Amino acid sequence: MSARNIGIVYRKELLEALRDRRTLISTILVPILLFPLLTVGVGFVIADLIEKADREPARIMILGGTDSPAIVSSLAKSKNLIVVSGPGNYVDLISNKKIRAAVEIPPGLQSGAGTDFAPMKIYMYSGDLKSTTAAKRIEDFFNEYRDNLARDRLTVQKLPASFLKPFVIKQQNVVSAEKVAGETVGGIITYLVIIMCLTGAMYPAMDLTAGEKERATMETILSSPISRTHLVLGKFLLVLTASLVTAALSVTSMGISSWVIQHFQDQSSGSAMHIKIGLGAVLAVFLVALPLAVMFSAALLTIALFAKSYKEAQSYISPLMIVVVVPAIAAMLPGIELTPRLSLVPILNVSLLCKDLIAGNYHWNSIALIFLSTCLYGGAAIFIAIKMFHRESVLFRS
């Protein structure tokens, strides 16, 4: 094994990659710009939609209530509620967003007859922001009415207001900010690292295999005095470099974007949720993800080698995204925890472990098992890539 020959191939491929605009865009430009645009842009759009829904008066319909005129009048005068009347099926009106919600007032509510049994029904369009906002406003109105009614009854009976609530239930967080951050954003960061390791390696892998075939330079490279093993290892190192650089830039970009958003939130309201992730946890995540990036790089290099053109390589590699996304997204699902059996499942094991590392949970037995198994998978992928480069039927298939 000649490190010098591998280094020559690596430097040559690195120089060509730096000259390739597609590789630079996918490896450097996209990770740097994508997440600030998504984080800041989408965040502001969502915030604006929520604020607009809070400001906009909601059109609602009252069903019944003929024997409760005072309640109907008070509801009509409520802030940000507009009571509409007229013919029409309230279900169709809500479905077509002509009104946002409807409330059915039970008979005898104002007089107190039957209020212990008759339900108060609020009809809404579940999933529609403005409809759920309107339903919440109606619910708040009747919660306040119910509390006032209960206090009046207690006053008549000469009982204190605490009679209905003899004690208060309070929840208090007892874990560190790192663990809270791990549960809150650990799965997202893990998903980001895994996907960026894959996407960062895609374009270099396709360019160094199918791209070489399309440019008719593969034969020239193979005729050089460097062995094919050294050749494939040099190409592999370039793909691995692109994979790790893309993942590192993506996480850095997302971290800076989150810090900027929290900084502005602190200045405006001072009530922002602080996400605290230690540098040690970030380094541990990259260390665990390193063999996964090795596996991705070698696998992509092997798959793209079967293609005769760049476009064909894209069609071969695209299904791999689905195979990677499904286990990578598992860390964001509630209730899925790392077990010895899951520690041997590729991608899923790294996804769950990285989430634990961000939360500050270092289970050394699981870390060792996952790191070794992923290294084994990565080594097997490199072995297969080298074997494929030695097969003429793969390199020059027609």
Protein backbone atom coordinates (compact mmCIF):
# COMPACT_ATOMS: atom_id res chain seq x y z
CA MET A 1 0.00 0.00 0.00
CA SER A 2 1.58 3.27 -1.13
CA ALA A 3 0.38 6.37 0.73
CA ARG A 4 2.29 8.50 -1.79
CA ASN A 5 0.31 7.14 -4.76
CA ILE A 6 -2.97 7.52 -2.90
CA GLY A 7 -1.99 11.10 -2.04
CA ILE A 8 -1.21 11.86 -5.68
CA VAL A 9 -4.63 10.66 -6.79
CA TYR A 10 -6.30 12.50 -3.91
CA ARG A 11 -4.59 15.83 -4.72
CA LYS A 12 -5.39 15.46 -8.40
CA GLU A 13 -9.08 14.75 -7.73
CA LEU A 14 -9.26 17.51 -5.12
CA LEU A 15 -7.90 20.06 -7.58
CA GLU A 16 -10.44 19.02 -10.21
CA ALA A 17 -13.27 19.07 -7.63
CA LEU A 18 -12.38 22.63 -6.64
CA ARG A 19 -12.66 23.59 -10.30
CA ASP A 20 -16.05 21.90 -10.67
CA ARG A 21 -18.87 24.35 -10.07
CA ARG A 22 -21.48 21.68 -9.32
CA THR A 23 -19.34 20.13 -6.60
CA LEU A 24 -18.60 23.51 -5.00
CA ILE A 25 -22.29 24.45 -4.98
CA SER A 26 -23.45 21.15 -3.45
CA THR A 27 -20.57 20.90 -0.96
CA ILE A 28 -20.04 24.48 0.20
CA LEU A 29 -22.62 26.98 -1.07
CA VAL A 30 -25.79 24.98 -0.40
CA PRO A 31 -24.92 24.01 3.22
CA ILE A 32 -23.93 27.58 4.07
CA LEU A 33 -26.98 29.30 2.56
CA LEU A 34 -29.71 26.67 2.74
CA PHE A 35 -30.23 26.47 6.47
CA PRO A 36 -30.16 30.22 7.20
CA LEU A 37 -32.78 30.66 4.49
CA LEU A 38 -34.89 27.80 5.83
CA THR A 39 -34.45 28.68 9.49
CA VAL A 40 -34.88 32.44 9.22
CA GLY A 41 -37.18 32.56 6.18
CA VAL A 42 -39.58 29.80 7.15
CA GLY A 43 -39.46 30.89 10.80
CA PHE A 44 -40.51 34.43 9.97
CA VAL A 45 -43.24 33.22 7.60
CA ILE A 46 -44.71 30.92 10.25
CA ALA A 47 -44.48 33.64 12.90
CA ASP A 48 -46.19 36.11 10.56
CA LEU A 49 -49.02 33.65 9.82
CA ILE A 50 -49.58 32.99 13.53
CA GLU A 51 -49.53 36.71 14.34
CA LYS A 52 -51.95 37.43 11.51
CA ALA A 53 -54.33 34.72 12.75
CA ASP A 54 -54.18 36.23 16.25
CA ARG A 55 -54.97 39.72 14.98
CA GLU A 56 -57.71 38.85 12.50
CA PRO A 57 -61.28 38.70 13.87
CA ALA A 58 -62.81 35.24 13.47
CA ARG A 59 -66.25 34.78 11.94
CA ILE A 60 -68.30 32.29 13.97
CA MET A 61 -71.88 31.02 14.11
CA ILE A 62 -74.01 30.42 17.19
CA LEU A 63 -76.31 27.42 17.20
CA GLY A 64 -79.17 27.63 19.66
CA GLY A 65 -78.93 30.06 22.56
CA THR A 66 -82.42 31.56 22.08
CA ASP A 67 -83.08 31.12 25.80
CA SER A 68 -79.65 32.59 26.74
CA PRO A 69 -79.71 36.10 25.23
CA ALA A 70 -77.21 37.57 27.70
CA ILE A 71 -74.62 34.91 26.91
CA VAL A 72 -75.15 35.37 23.15
CA SER A 73 -74.81 39.13 23.54
CA SER A 74 -71.61 38.82 25.57
CA LEU A 75 -70.14 36.37 23.04
CA ALA A 76 -70.98 38.73 20.17
CA LYS A 77 -69.14 41.54 21.98
CA SER A 78 -66.04 39.40 22.58
CA LYS A 79 -62.75 40.66 21.22
CA ASN A 80 -61.72 39.20 17.84
CA LEU A 81 -65.01 37.37 17.33
CA ILE A 82 -67.66 38.25 14.75
CA VAL A 83 -70.99 36.43 15.07
CA VAL A 84 -72.71 35.86 11.72
CA SER A 85 -76.22 34.67 11.16
CA GLY A 86 -78.18 33.49 8.19
CA PRO A 87 -79.14 30.33 6.35
CA GLY A 88 -76.62 27.65 5.58
CA ASN A 89 -75.20 24.43 6.92
CA TYR A 90 -72.51 25.25 9.46
CA VAL A 91 -70.50 22.17 8.41
CA ASP A 92 -70.33 23.40 4.80
CA LEU A 93 -69.57 26.95 5.92
CA ILE A 94 -66.66 25.79 8.08
CA SER A 95 -65.38 23.42 5.39
CA ASN A 96 -65.45 26.23 2.81
CA LYS A 97 -63.89 28.65 5.33
CA LYS A 98 -66.84 31.05 5.16
CA ILE A 99 -66.88 30.89 8.93
CA ARG A 100 -64.10 29.62 11.18
CA ALA A 101 -66.08 27.86 13.91
CA ALA A 102 -69.54 27.28 15.32
CA VAL A 103 -70.67 26.84 18.92
CA GLU A 104 -73.78 25.00 20.06
CA ILE A 105 -75.18 26.51 23.25
CA PRO A 106 -77.18 23.93 25.25
CA PRO A 107 -80.72 24.77 26.26
CA GLY A 108 -81.18 26.44 29.62
CA LEU A 109 -77.55 27.53 29.99
CA GLN A 110 -78.30 31.04 31.18
CA SER A 111 -81.01 29.95 33.60
CA GLY A 112 -78.83 27.17 34.96
CA ALA A 113 -81.22 24.37 34.07
CA GLY A 114 -79.39 21.25 33.00
CA THR A 115 -75.94 22.87 32.85
CA ASP A 116 -74.44 19.96 34.77
CA PHE A 117 -75.28 17.55 31.97
CA ALA A 118 -75.60 19.31 28.61
CA PRO A 119 -72.34 19.42 26.64
CA MET A 120 -70.97 22.61 25.11
CA LYS A 121 -69.96 21.71 21.54
CA ILE A 122 -67.55 23.73 19.41
CA TYR A 123 -67.35 22.79 15.75
CA MET A 124 -64.13 23.59 13.91
CA TYR A 125 -61.85 22.71 10.97
CA SER A 126 -59.09 20.66 12.58
CA GLY A 127 -55.71 21.51 11.06
CA ASP A 128 -56.72 24.99 9.91
CA LEU A 129 -54.86 27.63 11.93
CA LYS A 130 -57.60 30.27 11.83
CA SER A 131 -60.29 27.75 12.70
CA THR A 132 -58.40 26.36 15.70
CA THR A 133 -57.69 29.93 16.83
CA ALA A 134 -61.40 30.79 16.67
CA ALA A 135 -62.30 27.62 18.58
CA LYS A 136 -59.74 28.51 21.25
CA ARG A 137 -61.27 31.98 21.64
CA ILE A 138 -64.75 30.49 22.06
CA GLU A 139 -63.44 27.96 24.56
CA ASP A 140 -61.69 30.69 26.57
CA PHE A 141 -64.94 32.70 26.67
CA PHE A 142 -66.97 29.81 28.04
CA ASN A 143 -64.22 28.73 30.44
CA GLU A 144 -64.34 32.20 31.94
CA TYR A 145 -68.16 32.08 32.04
CA ARG A 146 -68.03 28.68 33.76
CA ASP A 147 -65.51 29.89 36.36
CA ASN A 148 -67.61 32.97 37.13
CA LEU A 149 -70.71 30.79 37.44
CA ALA A 150 -68.91 28.46 39.85
CA ARG A 151 -67.66 31.39 41.95
CA ASP A 152 -71.17 32.82 42.14
CA ARG A 153 -72.52 29.49 43.35
CA LEU A 154 -69.76 29.23 45.95
CA THR A 155 -70.53 32.75 47.13
CA VAL A 156 -74.20 31.85 47.60
CA GLN A 157 -73.15 28.82 49.65
CA LYS A 158 -70.60 30.95 51.55
CA LEU A 159 -67.72 28.74 50.41
CA PRO A 160 -64.22 29.95 49.44
CA ALA A 161 -63.05 29.90 45.81
CA SER A 162 -60.37 27.35 46.78
CA PHE A 163 -63.16 24.83 47.45
CA LEU A 164 -63.04 23.75 43.77
CA LYS A 165 -59.23 23.78 43.61
CA PRO A 166 -57.88 22.76 47.03
CA PHE A 167 -54.34 22.39 45.65
CA VAL A 168 -52.28 23.48 42.63
CA ILE A 169 -50.38 21.17 40.29
CA LYS A 170 -47.05 22.52 39.05
CA GLN A 171 -44.56 20.91 36.67
CA GLN A 172 -40.86 21.63 37.08
CA ASN A 173 -37.95 20.60 34.87
CA VAL A 174 -35.16 18.83 36.75
CA VAL A 175 -32.74 18.01 33.93
CA SER A 176 -29.97 20.11 32.41
CA ALA A 177 -30.28 22.39 29.41
CA GLU A 178 -28.15 19.97 27.37
CA LYS A 179 -30.63 17.13 27.92
CA VAL A 180 -33.57 19.37 27.08
CA ALA A 181 -31.80 20.43 23.89
CA GLY A 182 -31.12 16.79 23.06
CA GLU A 183 -34.81 15.95 23.24
CA THR A 184 -35.82 19.15 21.45
CA VAL A 185 -33.39 19.46 18.56
CA GLY A 186 -31.13 16.42 18.93
CA GLY A 187 -33.08 14.41 16.38
CA ILE A 188 -33.08 17.28 13.89
CA ILE A 189 -29.32 17.81 14.17
CA THR A 190 -28.71 14.08 13.84
CA TYR A 191 -30.93 13.88 10.76
CA LEU A 192 -29.07 16.86 9.33
CA VAL A 193 -25.64 15.30 9.88
CA ILE A 194 -26.65 11.98 8.29
CA ILE A 195 -28.38 13.50 5.26
CA MET A 196 -25.57 15.97 4.65
CA CYS A 197 -22.98 13.18 4.87
CA LEU A 198 -24.90 11.47 2.08
CA THR A 199 -25.70 14.44 -0.16
CA GLY A 200 -22.21 15.88 0.22
CA ALA A 201 -20.73 12.68 -1.18
CA MET A 202 -23.23 12.22 -4.03
CA TYR A 203 -21.93 14.65 -6.65
CA PRO A 204 -18.21 13.92 -6.18
CA ALA A 205 -18.89 10.17 -6.30
CA MET A 206 -20.85 10.48 -9.53
CA ASP A 207 -18.30 12.82 -11.10
CA LEU A 208 -15.32 10.58 -10.25
CA THR A 209 -16.95 7.49 -11.79
CA ALA A 210 -19.78 8.07 -14.25
CA GLY A 211 -18.42 11.53 -15.01
CA GLU A 212 -15.04 10.05 -15.94
CA LYS A 213 -16.76 7.60 -18.27
CA GLU A 214 -18.86 10.34 -19.86
CA ARG A 215 -15.77 12.49 -20.48
CA ALA A 216 -13.89 9.42 -21.80
CA THR A 217 -11.05 9.96 -19.32
CA MET A 218 -11.49 6.73 -17.37
CA GLU A 219 -9.22 4.78 -19.76
CA THR A 220 -6.48 7.40 -19.43
CA ILE A 221 -6.54 7.24 -15.64
CA LEU A 222 -6.53 3.46 -15.59
CA SER A 223 -3.50 3.36 -17.90
CA SER A 224 -1.43 5.37 -15.40
CA PRO A 225 1.30 3.55 -13.41
CA ILE A 226 -0.83 3.70 -10.24
CA SER A 227 -2.57 0.53 -9.15
CA ARG A 228 -6.34 0.41 -9.15
CA THR A 229 -6.42 -0.05 -5.40
CA HIS A 230 -4.49 3.18 -4.89
CA LEU A 231 -6.67 4.83 -7.51
CA VAL A 232 -9.96 3.93 -5.84
CA LEU A 233 -8.65 4.85 -2.38
CA GLY A 234 -7.58 8.28 -3.63
CA LYS A 235 -10.99 8.86 -5.18
CA PHE A 236 -12.66 7.55 -2.03
CA LEU A 237 -10.76 10.00 0.19
CA LEU A 238 -11.92 12.90 -1.98
CA VAL A 239 -15.56 11.77 -1.70
CA LEU A 240 -15.16 11.33 2.07
CA THR A 241 -13.67 14.82 2.38
CA ALA A 242 -16.65 16.34 0.53
CA SER A 243 -19.06 14.38 2.73
CA LEU A 244 -17.52 15.54 6.01
CA VAL A 245 -17.06 19.16 4.87
CA THR A 246 -20.72 19.36 3.81
CA ALA A 247 -21.95 17.96 7.12
CA ALA A 248 -19.69 20.26 9.15
CA LEU A 249 -20.71 23.38 7.23
CA SER A 250 -24.40 22.47 7.51
CA VAL A 251 -24.33 22.04 11.28
CA THR A 252 -22.23 25.18 11.70
CA SER A 253 -24.61 27.18 9.51
CA MET A 254 -27.66 25.91 11.40
CA GLY A 255 -26.02 26.67 14.75
CA ILE A 256 -25.19 30.24 13.74
CA SER A 257 -28.72 30.75 12.40
CA SER A 258 -30.26 29.47 15.64
CA TRP A 259 -27.97 31.71 17.68
CA VAL A 260 -28.93 34.77 15.62
CA ILE A 261 -32.64 34.04 16.01
CA GLN A 262 -32.31 33.55 19.77
CA HIS A 263 -30.26 36.75 20.04
CA PHE A 264 -33.05 38.77 18.43
CA GLN A 265 -35.68 37.00 20.54
CA ASP A 266 -33.74 37.84 23.71
CA GLN A 267 -33.62 41.50 22.72
CA SER A 268 -37.29 41.66 21.81
CA SER A 269 -38.98 39.62 24.53
CA GLY A 270 -36.38 37.87 26.64
CA SER A 271 -38.49 34.70 26.68
CA ALA A 272 -36.73 32.65 24.04
CA MET A 273 -36.07 29.00 24.64
CA HIS A 274 -32.33 28.63 25.06
CA ILE A 275 -30.77 25.66 23.31
CA LYS A 276 -27.47 24.76 24.90
CA ILE A 277 -25.37 22.13 23.16
CA GLY A 278 -21.83 21.51 24.36
CA LEU A 279 -18.87 21.51 22.00
CA GLY A 280 -17.91 18.07 23.31
CA ALA A 281 -21.28 16.67 22.23
CA VAL A 282 -20.86 18.13 18.74
CA LEU A 283 -17.38 16.62 18.39
CA ALA A 284 -18.67 13.26 19.64
CA VAL A 285 -21.44 13.32 17.04
CA PHE A 286 -18.95 13.90 14.23
CA LEU A 287 -16.67 11.18 15.58
CA VAL A 288 -19.52 8.66 15.59
CA ALA A 289 -20.71 9.83 12.16
CA LEU A 290 -17.23 9.45 10.64
CA PRO A 291 -17.51 5.70 9.89
CA LEU A 292 -21.02 6.34 8.57
CA ALA A 293 -19.60 8.90 6.13
CA VAL A 294 -17.01 6.28 5.13
CA MET A 295 -19.80 3.80 4.38
CA PHE A 296 -21.78 6.38 2.39
CA SER A 297 -18.76 7.48 0.37
CA ALA A 298 -17.71 3.95 -0.57
CA ALA A 299 -21.28 2.85 -1.32
CA LEU A 300 -21.95 5.86 -3.55
CA LEU A 301 -18.67 5.34 -5.36
CA THR A 302 -19.59 1.70 -6.04
CA ILE A 303 -23.16 2.42 -7.17
CA ALA A 304 -22.14 5.29 -9.45
CA LEU A 305 -19.43 3.10 -11.00
CA PHE A 306 -22.11 0.91 -12.60
CA ALA A 307 -23.54 3.89 -14.51
CA LYS A 308 -22.41 4.81 -18.01
CA SER A 309 -23.36 8.49 -17.66
CA TYR A 310 -23.90 11.17 -15.02
CA LYS A 311 -27.66 11.10 -15.55
CA GLU A 312 -27.80 7.33 -15.21
CA ALA A 313 -25.81 7.54 -11.98
CA GLN A 314 -28.37 9.97 -10.57
CA SER A 315 -31.17 7.50 -11.29
CA TYR A 316 -29.23 4.73 -9.52
CA ILE A 317 -28.44 6.81 -6.44
CA SER A 318 -31.83 8.51 -5.96
CA PRO A 319 -33.51 5.43 -4.35
CA LEU A 320 -30.68 5.36 -1.82
CA MET A 321 -32.04 8.61 -0.35
CA ILE A 322 -35.22 6.82 0.73
CA VAL A 323 -33.22 3.98 2.31
CA VAL A 324 -31.23 6.54 4.33
CA VAL A 325 -34.03 8.98 5.22
CA VAL A 326 -36.32 6.40 6.86
CA PRO A 327 -33.88 5.27 9.61
CA ALA A 328 -32.33 8.74 9.89
CA ILE A 329 -35.67 10.31 10.74
CA ALA A 330 -36.31 7.73 13.47
CA ALA A 331 -34.45 9.85 16.04
CA MET A 332 -37.17 12.49 15.73
CA LEU A 333 -39.96 10.03 16.51
CA PRO A 334 -41.08 9.78 20.16
CA GLY A 335 -40.68 6.53 22.04
CA ILE A 336 -37.85 5.04 19.97
CA GLU A 337 -34.81 4.43 22.18
CA LEU A 338 -31.43 2.83 21.62
CA THR A 339 -31.32 -0.89 22.44
CA PRO A 340 -28.60 -3.54 21.91
CA ARG A 341 -30.54 -4.93 18.94
CA LEU A 342 -30.95 -1.53 17.30
CA SER A 343 -27.26 -0.86 17.88
CA LEU A 344 -26.49 -3.19 14.98
CA VAL A 345 -28.90 -1.60 12.47
CA PRO A 346 -26.94 0.66 10.07
CA ILE A 347 -27.84 4.37 10.05
CA LEU A 348 -30.57 3.90 12.67
CA ASN A 349 -27.97 3.10 15.32
CA VAL A 350 -25.95 6.24 14.58
CA SER A 351 -29.15 8.32 14.45
CA LEU A 352 -30.27 7.24 17.93
CA LEU A 353 -26.77 7.39 19.42
CA CYS A 354 -26.11 10.93 18.18
CA LYS A 355 -29.35 12.10 19.79
CA ASP A 356 -28.22 10.62 23.12
CA LEU A 357 -24.79 12.26 22.78
CA ILE A 358 -26.35 15.67 22.21
CA ALA A 359 -28.48 15.11 25.32
CA GLY A 360 -25.31 14.33 27.29
CA ASN A 361 -25.98 10.58 27.69
CA TYR A 362 -22.77 8.62 27.11
CA HIS A 363 -23.51 4.88 27.13
CA TRP A 364 -20.01 3.60 26.45
CA ASN A 365 -21.01 0.02 25.67
CA SER A 366 -23.45 1.21 23.01
CA ILE A 367 -20.93 3.74 21.69
CA ALA A 368 -18.26 1.04 21.29
CA LEU A 369 -20.67 -1.42 19.68
CA ILE A 370 -22.09 1.12 17.24
CA PHE A 371 -18.70 2.57 16.34
CA LEU A 372 -17.21 -0.88 15.69
CA SER A 373 -20.21 -2.16 13.72
CA THR A 374 -20.34 0.99 11.59
CA CYS A 375 -16.59 0.75 10.97
CA LEU A 376 -17.18 -2.84 9.87
CA TYR A 377 -19.92 -1.75 7.46
CA GLY A 378 -17.70 1.05 6.15
CA GLY A 379 -14.76 -1.33 5.68
CA ALA A 380 -17.00 -3.76 3.80
CA ALA A 381 -18.20 -0.92 1.54
CA ILE A 382 -14.59 0.08 0.76
CA PHE A 383 -13.70 -3.55 0.03
CA ILE A 384 -16.61 -3.85 -2.41
CA ALA A 385 -15.65 -0.56 -4.08
CA ILE A 386 -12.08 -1.79 -4.63
CA LYS A 387 -13.34 -5.09 -6.05
CA MET A 388 -15.67 -3.29 -8.44
CA PHE A 389 -12.79 -1.13 -9.73
CA HIS A 390 -10.91 -4.34 -10.61
CA ARG A 391 -13.77 -5.68 -12.74
CA GLU A 392 -13.59 -4.71 -16.42
CA SER A 393 -17.24 -5.65 -16.89
CA VAL A 394 -18.22 -2.91 -14.45
CA LEU A 395 -15.76 -0.26 -15.60
CA PHE A 396 -16.52 -0.63 -19.28
CA ARG A 397 -19.95 -2.14 -19.39
CA SER A 398 -21.95 -1.40 -22.51
